[in-house]
Amino acid sequence: MILDIVKIGNSKGVRLPKTLLDGITSSKVVAERKGDSIILKPCNPREGWVEQIKKVLAEEKNKKDEDMSMFEDITNEFDEGEWTW
């Protein structure tokens, strides 16, 4: 299938026919250039999110209480007058 490259605003693009997109449910694509080819793949925005959440939770678990030490000296009038320590 031969498609025209068209001007879209300040960019250029290719209009993909509906028949080419039949069965693709994603509204986003990942574009990748390999040599003289441009490859478009459906994008799954949640791909890899489980691994990312596990990584963040592991990093948080490994933080020590001294990470909060920078906040120990921060006080305000409410802390000094209202709170009883």
N, C-alpha and C. Protein backbone atom coordinates (compact mmCIF):
# COMPACT_ATOMS: atom_id res chain seq x y z
N MET A 1 0.85 -1.16 0.00
CA MET A 1 0.00 0.00 0.00
C MET A 1 0.90 1.24 0.00
N ILE A 2 0.69 2.10 -0.92
CA ILE A 2 1.46 3.34 -1.03
C ILE A 2 0.60 4.48 -0.49
N LEU A 3 1.17 5.23 0.47
CA LEU A 3 0.45 6.34 1.10
C LEU A 3 1.23 7.64 0.86
N ASP A 4 0.51 8.74 0.77
CA ASP A 4 1.14 10.05 0.60
C ASP A 4 1.55 10.62 1.94
N ILE A 5 2.69 11.30 1.96
CA ILE A 5 3.11 12.08 3.13
C ILE A 5 2.50 13.46 2.94
N VAL A 6 1.71 13.91 3.92
CA VAL A 6 0.97 15.17 3.79
C VAL A 6 1.39 16.14 4.87
N LYS A 7 1.21 17.41 4.59
CA LYS A 7 1.50 18.46 5.57
C LYS A 7 0.35 18.52 6.57
N ILE A 8 0.69 18.47 7.88
CA ILE A 8 -0.29 18.60 8.96
C ILE A 8 0.25 19.67 9.90
N GLY A 9 -0.25 20.91 9.75
CA GLY A 9 0.30 22.01 10.55
C GLY A 9 1.74 22.25 10.16
N ASN A 10 2.62 22.30 11.17
CA ASN A 10 4.05 22.47 10.91
C ASN A 10 4.76 21.14 10.73
N SER A 11 4.01 20.05 10.78
CA SER A 11 4.58 18.71 10.68
C SER A 11 4.15 18.05 9.38
N LYS A 12 4.56 16.84 9.23
CA LYS A 12 4.11 16.01 8.12
C LYS A 12 3.61 14.70 8.70
N GLY A 13 2.71 14.06 8.01
CA GLY A 13 2.16 12.82 8.51
C GLY A 13 1.64 11.95 7.39
N VAL A 14 1.16 10.80 7.79
CA VAL A 14 0.57 9.84 6.87
C VAL A 14 -0.81 9.50 7.40
N ARG A 15 -1.80 9.56 6.56
CA ARG A 15 -3.15 9.16 6.95
C ARG A 15 -3.27 7.66 6.71
N LEU A 16 -3.63 6.96 7.78
CA LEU A 16 -3.75 5.50 7.68
C LEU A 16 -5.20 5.13 7.38
N PRO A 17 -5.42 4.32 6.35
CA PRO A 17 -6.78 3.92 6.02
C PRO A 17 -7.41 3.08 7.13
N LYS A 18 -8.73 3.17 7.25
CA LYS A 18 -9.47 2.43 8.27
C LYS A 18 -9.21 0.93 8.15
N THR A 19 -9.12 0.43 6.95
CA THR A 19 -8.91 -1.01 6.77
C THR A 19 -7.57 -1.46 7.36
N LEU A 20 -6.61 -0.57 7.37
CA LEU A 20 -5.30 -0.89 7.94
C LEU A 20 -5.36 -0.93 9.46
N LEU A 21 -6.29 -0.15 10.04
CA LEU A 21 -6.39 -0.05 11.50
C LEU A 21 -7.46 -0.97 12.10
N ASP A 22 -8.18 -1.70 11.28
CA ASP A 22 -9.20 -2.63 11.79
C ASP A 22 -8.60 -3.60 12.79
N GLY A 23 -9.25 -3.74 13.94
CA GLY A 23 -8.79 -4.67 14.97
C GLY A 23 -7.83 -4.06 15.98
N ILE A 24 -7.33 -2.87 15.73
CA ILE A 24 -6.44 -2.21 16.69
C ILE A 24 -7.30 -1.40 17.64
N THR A 25 -7.22 -1.71 18.93
CA THR A 25 -8.08 -1.05 19.91
C THR A 25 -7.41 0.12 20.61
N SER A 26 -6.10 0.21 20.55
CA SER A 26 -5.38 1.29 21.22
C SER A 26 -5.56 2.60 20.46
N SER A 27 -5.64 3.72 21.19
CA SER A 27 -5.74 5.03 20.54
C SER A 27 -4.37 5.69 20.43
N LYS A 28 -3.33 5.00 20.86
CA LYS A 28 -1.97 5.52 20.78
C LYS A 28 -1.08 4.46 20.13
N VAL A 29 0.00 4.93 19.50
CA VAL A 29 0.97 4.03 18.91
C VAL A 29 2.37 4.42 19.35
N VAL A 30 3.25 3.46 19.32
CA VAL A 30 4.67 3.71 19.55
C VAL A 30 5.32 3.73 18.18
N ALA A 31 6.03 4.80 17.86
CA ALA A 31 6.72 4.92 16.58
C ALA A 31 8.20 4.65 16.79
N GLU A 32 8.75 3.85 15.90
CA GLU A 32 10.16 3.47 16.01
C GLU A 32 10.76 3.49 14.61
N ARG A 33 11.94 4.06 14.50
CA ARG A 33 12.62 4.09 13.21
C ARG A 33 13.75 3.08 13.23
N LYS A 34 13.76 2.20 12.24
CA LYS A 34 14.83 1.22 12.06
C LYS A 34 15.34 1.35 10.63
N GLY A 35 16.51 1.96 10.50
CA GLY A 35 17.05 2.18 9.16
C GLY A 35 16.14 3.07 8.36
N ASP A 36 15.70 2.59 7.21
CA ASP A 36 14.80 3.36 6.35
C ASP A 36 13.34 3.08 6.65
N SER A 37 13.05 2.31 7.68
CA SER A 37 11.68 1.92 8.00
C SER A 37 11.16 2.66 9.22
N ILE A 38 9.87 2.93 9.22
CA ILE A 38 9.19 3.47 10.39
C ILE A 38 8.18 2.41 10.81
N ILE A 39 8.28 1.97 12.06
CA ILE A 39 7.41 0.92 12.56
C ILE A 39 6.45 1.51 13.57
N LEU A 40 5.17 1.27 13.39
CA LEU A 40 4.14 1.72 14.32
C LEU A 40 3.57 0.49 15.01
N LYS A 41 3.53 0.54 16.35
CA LYS A 41 2.97 -0.56 17.14
C LYS A 41 1.92 0.00 18.08
N PRO A 42 0.82 -0.72 18.29
CA PRO A 42 -0.17 -0.26 19.27
C PRO A 42 0.50 -0.09 20.63
N CYS A 43 0.13 0.97 21.33
CA CYS A 43 0.71 1.27 22.63
C CYS A 43 -0.23 0.81 23.73
N ASN A 44 0.33 0.11 24.69
CA ASN A 44 -0.43 -0.26 25.88
C ASN A 44 0.12 0.59 27.02
N PRO A 45 -0.59 1.66 27.42
CA PRO A 45 -0.04 2.57 28.43
C PRO A 45 0.22 1.91 29.78
N ARG A 46 -0.41 0.78 30.06
CA ARG A 46 -0.19 0.11 31.35
C ARG A 46 0.89 -0.97 31.27
N GLU A 47 1.50 -1.10 30.12
CA GLU A 47 2.53 -2.12 29.96
C GLU A 47 3.70 -1.83 30.91
N GLY A 48 4.06 -2.79 31.71
CA GLY A 48 5.18 -2.66 32.63
C GLY A 48 4.84 -1.97 33.94
N TRP A 49 3.57 -1.61 34.16
CA TRP A 49 3.23 -0.86 35.37
C TRP A 49 3.37 -1.70 36.62
N VAL A 50 3.14 -2.99 36.54
CA VAL A 50 3.27 -3.85 37.73
C VAL A 50 4.72 -3.86 38.21
N GLU A 51 5.64 -4.01 37.27
CA GLU A 51 7.06 -4.01 37.62
C GLU A 51 7.48 -2.66 38.19
N GLN A 52 6.97 -1.58 37.62
CA GLN A 52 7.32 -0.24 38.09
C GLN A 52 6.81 -0.01 39.51
N ILE A 53 5.59 -0.44 39.80
CA ILE A 53 5.04 -0.29 41.15
C ILE A 53 5.86 -1.09 42.15
N LYS A 54 6.21 -2.32 41.80
CA LYS A 54 7.03 -3.14 42.69
C LYS A 54 8.37 -2.48 42.97
N LYS A 55 8.96 -1.87 41.94
CA LYS A 55 10.25 -1.21 42.11
C LYS A 55 10.13 -0.02 43.07
N VAL A 56 9.10 0.80 42.89
CA VAL A 56 8.91 1.97 43.75
C VAL A 56 8.64 1.53 45.19
N LEU A 57 7.80 0.52 45.37
CA LEU A 57 7.51 0.04 46.72
C LEU A 57 8.76 -0.51 47.40
N ALA A 58 9.60 -1.22 46.65
CA ALA A 58 10.84 -1.74 47.21
C ALA A 58 11.77 -0.61 47.62
N GLU A 59 11.85 0.44 46.80
CA GLU A 59 12.69 1.59 47.13
C GLU A 59 12.18 2.29 48.39
N GLU A 60 10.88 2.44 48.52
CA GLU A 60 10.30 3.08 49.70
C GLU A 60 10.55 2.23 50.95
N LYS A 61 10.45 0.92 50.81
CA LYS A 61 10.66 0.03 51.94
C LYS A 61 12.10 0.11 52.45
N ASN A 62 13.03 0.35 51.54
CA ASN A 62 14.44 0.40 51.91
C ASN A 62 14.87 1.75 52.48
N LYS A 63 14.01 2.75 52.41
CA LYS A 63 14.36 4.05 52.99
C LYS A 63 14.39 3.93 54.51
N LYS A 64 15.29 4.65 55.12
CA LYS A 64 15.43 4.61 56.57
C LYS A 64 14.79 5.84 57.19
N ASP A 65 14.51 5.77 58.48
CA ASP A 65 13.89 6.89 59.18
C ASP A 65 14.72 8.18 59.11
N GLU A 66 16.03 8.04 58.98
CA GLU A 66 16.85 9.25 58.94
C GLU A 66 16.61 10.06 57.67
N ASP A 67 15.95 9.48 56.68
CA ASP A 67 15.60 10.25 55.50
C ASP A 67 14.68 11.41 55.86
N MET A 68 13.96 11.30 56.96
CA MET A 68 13.05 12.35 57.40
C MET A 68 13.70 13.32 58.38
N SER A 69 14.96 13.13 58.70
CA SER A 69 15.62 13.95 59.70
C SER A 69 15.68 15.43 59.29
N MET A 70 15.64 15.71 58.01
CA MET A 70 15.70 17.11 57.58
C MET A 70 14.48 17.89 58.02
N PHE A 71 13.39 17.22 58.39
CA PHE A 71 12.18 17.91 58.80
C PHE A 71 12.09 18.12 60.30
N GLU A 72 13.02 17.60 61.08
CA GLU A 72 12.94 17.69 62.53
C GLU A 72 13.02 19.12 63.05
N ASP A 73 13.77 19.97 62.40
CA ASP A 73 13.97 21.34 62.88
C ASP A 73 12.97 22.33 62.31
N ILE A 74 12.04 21.87 61.54
CA ILE A 74 11.04 22.78 60.96
C ILE A 74 9.89 22.92 61.94
N THR A 75 9.66 24.14 62.41
CA THR A 75 8.56 24.40 63.33
C THR A 75 7.85 25.67 62.89
N ASN A 76 6.69 25.89 63.47
CA ASN A 76 5.97 27.14 63.24
C ASN A 76 5.32 27.55 64.55
N GLU A 77 4.59 28.66 64.54
CA GLU A 77 3.98 29.16 65.77
C GLU A 77 3.00 28.16 66.37
N PHE A 78 2.26 27.48 65.53
CA PHE A 78 1.30 26.48 66.01
C PHE A 78 2.02 25.38 66.77
N ASP A 79 3.12 24.89 66.21
CA ASP A 79 3.88 23.83 66.87
C ASP A 79 4.36 24.28 68.25
N GLU A 80 4.85 25.52 68.33
CA GLU A 80 5.43 26.00 69.58
C GLU A 80 4.38 26.36 70.63
N GLY A 81 3.21 26.85 70.18
CA GLY A 81 2.22 27.31 71.14
C GLY A 81 1.09 26.34 71.43
N GLU A 82 0.66 25.59 70.45
CA GLU A 82 -0.52 24.75 70.57
C GLU A 82 -0.22 23.31 70.98
N TRP A 83 0.87 22.80 70.52
CA TRP A 83 1.18 21.37 70.78
C TRP A 83 1.86 21.22 72.14
N THR A 84 1.52 20.16 72.81
CA THR A 84 2.20 19.81 74.03
C THR A 84 3.01 18.57 73.78
N TRP A 85 4.30 18.69 73.98
CA TRP A 85 5.18 17.55 73.69
C TRP A 85 5.50 16.82 74.93
